[in-house]
């Protein structure tokens, strides 16, 4: 058994160590989910809109049908802008510009 372990190369693993890796090396189920396509943060471009709690139409783009705030992995917003966006959505909810729950 010890001789078999020595014959394996560094990159080759047994059935337990694959965790959903495909033959091309891309991960299918393990690791970070990628919902958005190519492109960076929609607020990082020079002509991008600014995040404002009064801009309801912009904020609604980042809410699900149930009224939940969509995660960064789906919207492709950077961490810095996601924090600003969440604060603006919560402020708009507090001022009754956005609903907390969609019926």
Protein backbone atom coordinates (compact mmCIF):
# COMPACT_ATOMS: atom_id res chain seq x y z
CA UNK A 1 0.00 0.00 0.00
CA UNK A 2 2.81 2.43 0.82
CA UNK A 3 4.42 1.68 -2.55
CA UNK A 4 1.24 2.63 -4.39
CA UNK A 5 1.11 6.03 -2.64
CA UNK A 6 4.68 6.77 -3.70
CA UNK A 7 3.92 6.09 -7.36
CA UNK A 8 1.24 8.79 -7.57
CA UNK A 9 2.36 12.15 -8.86
CA UNK A 10 1.76 15.38 -6.92
CA UNK A 11 -1.17 16.55 -9.07
CA UNK A 12 -2.90 13.18 -9.14
CA UNK A 13 -5.30 12.36 -6.33
CA UNK A 14 -7.54 9.47 -5.50
CA UNK A 15 -11.32 9.42 -5.64
CA UNK A 16 -11.63 11.16 -2.27
CA UNK A 17 -9.50 14.19 -3.18
CA UNK A 18 -11.21 15.27 -6.39
CA UNK A 19 -14.25 17.14 -4.90
CA UNK A 20 -16.06 17.61 -8.17
CA UNK A 21 -13.04 18.55 -10.31
CA UNK A 22 -13.43 17.80 -14.00
CA UNK A 23 -10.80 16.59 -16.39
CA UNK A 24 -10.05 20.14 -17.53
CA UNK A 25 -9.34 21.23 -13.97
CA UNK A 26 -12.35 23.53 -13.70
CA UNK A 27 -14.42 23.19 -10.58
CA UNK A 28 -18.09 22.34 -11.00
CA UNK A 29 -19.53 22.24 -7.50
CA UNK A 30 -16.75 23.04 -5.07
CA UNK A 31 -15.49 26.55 -4.49
CA UNK A 32 -16.97 29.92 -5.30
CA UNK A 33 -20.12 30.11 -7.39
CA UNK A 34 -19.99 32.27 -10.48
CA UNK A 35 -23.40 33.45 -11.67
CA UNK A 36 -22.48 36.61 -13.50
CA UNK A 37 -20.67 36.60 -16.81
CA UNK A 38 -17.66 38.60 -17.84
CA UNK A 39 -17.24 42.13 -16.61
CA UNK A 40 -16.41 43.96 -13.47
CA UNK A 41 -18.40 45.87 -10.93
CA UNK A 42 -21.24 47.84 -12.53
CA UNK A 43 -20.41 50.82 -10.30
CA UNK A 44 -16.66 50.93 -11.05
CA UNK A 45 -16.91 52.24 -14.60
CA UNK A 46 -16.29 55.97 -15.15
CA UNK A 47 -19.83 56.53 -16.53
CA UNK A 48 -21.49 54.33 -13.87
CA UNK A 49 -24.37 55.63 -11.77
CA UNK A 50 -23.74 56.58 -8.17
CA UNK A 51 -25.40 54.57 -5.43
CA UNK A 52 -28.08 56.72 -3.81
CA UNK A 53 -30.92 55.66 -1.52
CA UNK A 54 -33.32 57.91 -3.46
CA UNK A 55 -32.69 56.12 -6.77
CA UNK A 56 -35.34 53.42 -6.34
CA UNK A 57 -35.15 52.10 -9.89
CA UNK A 58 -31.42 51.40 -9.50
CA UNK A 59 -31.81 49.77 -6.09
CA UNK A 60 -34.62 47.48 -7.27
CA UNK A 61 -32.22 45.90 -9.78
CA UNK A 62 -30.34 44.42 -6.82
CA UNK A 63 -33.38 42.99 -5.05
CA UNK A 64 -34.87 39.56 -5.72
CA UNK A 65 -38.55 38.99 -6.47
CA UNK A 66 -39.11 38.34 -2.76
CA UNK A 67 -37.43 41.64 -1.85
CA UNK A 68 -34.16 40.11 -0.60
CA UNK A 69 -30.84 41.76 -1.34
CA UNK A 70 -29.05 39.72 -3.98
CA UNK A 71 -25.54 38.49 -3.14
CA UNK A 72 -22.36 39.78 -4.73
CA UNK A 73 -21.85 36.51 -6.62
CA UNK A 74 -25.04 37.12 -8.60
CA UNK A 75 -24.76 40.87 -9.15
CA UNK A 76 -21.00 41.06 -9.72
CA UNK A 77 -20.75 44.14 -7.48
CA UNK A 78 -17.41 44.65 -5.71
CA UNK A 79 -17.21 44.23 -1.92
CA UNK A 80 -16.76 47.93 -1.32
CA UNK A 81 -19.74 48.91 -3.48
CA UNK A 82 -21.85 46.02 -2.11
CA UNK A 83 -21.53 47.50 1.40
CA UNK A 84 -22.58 50.93 0.10
CA UNK A 85 -25.44 49.35 -1.87
CA UNK A 86 -26.74 47.41 1.14
CA UNK A 87 -26.66 50.54 3.28
CA UNK A 88 -28.60 52.47 0.63
CA UNK A 89 -31.22 49.70 0.31
CA UNK A 90 -31.68 49.54 4.09
CA UNK A 91 -31.98 53.33 4.28
CA UNK A 92 -34.59 53.33 1.50
CA UNK A 93 -36.52 50.61 3.31
CA UNK A 94 -36.45 52.59 6.56
CA UNK A 95 -37.82 55.66 4.76
CA UNK A 96 -40.56 53.49 3.13
CA UNK A 97 -39.20 54.04 -0.38
CA UNK A 98 -38.69 50.27 -0.76
CA UNK A 99 -40.73 47.49 0.85
CA UNK A 100 -39.20 45.14 3.39
CA UNK A 101 -41.29 42.24 2.07
CA UNK A 102 -42.92 41.89 -1.34
CA UNK A 103 -46.35 40.27 -1.13
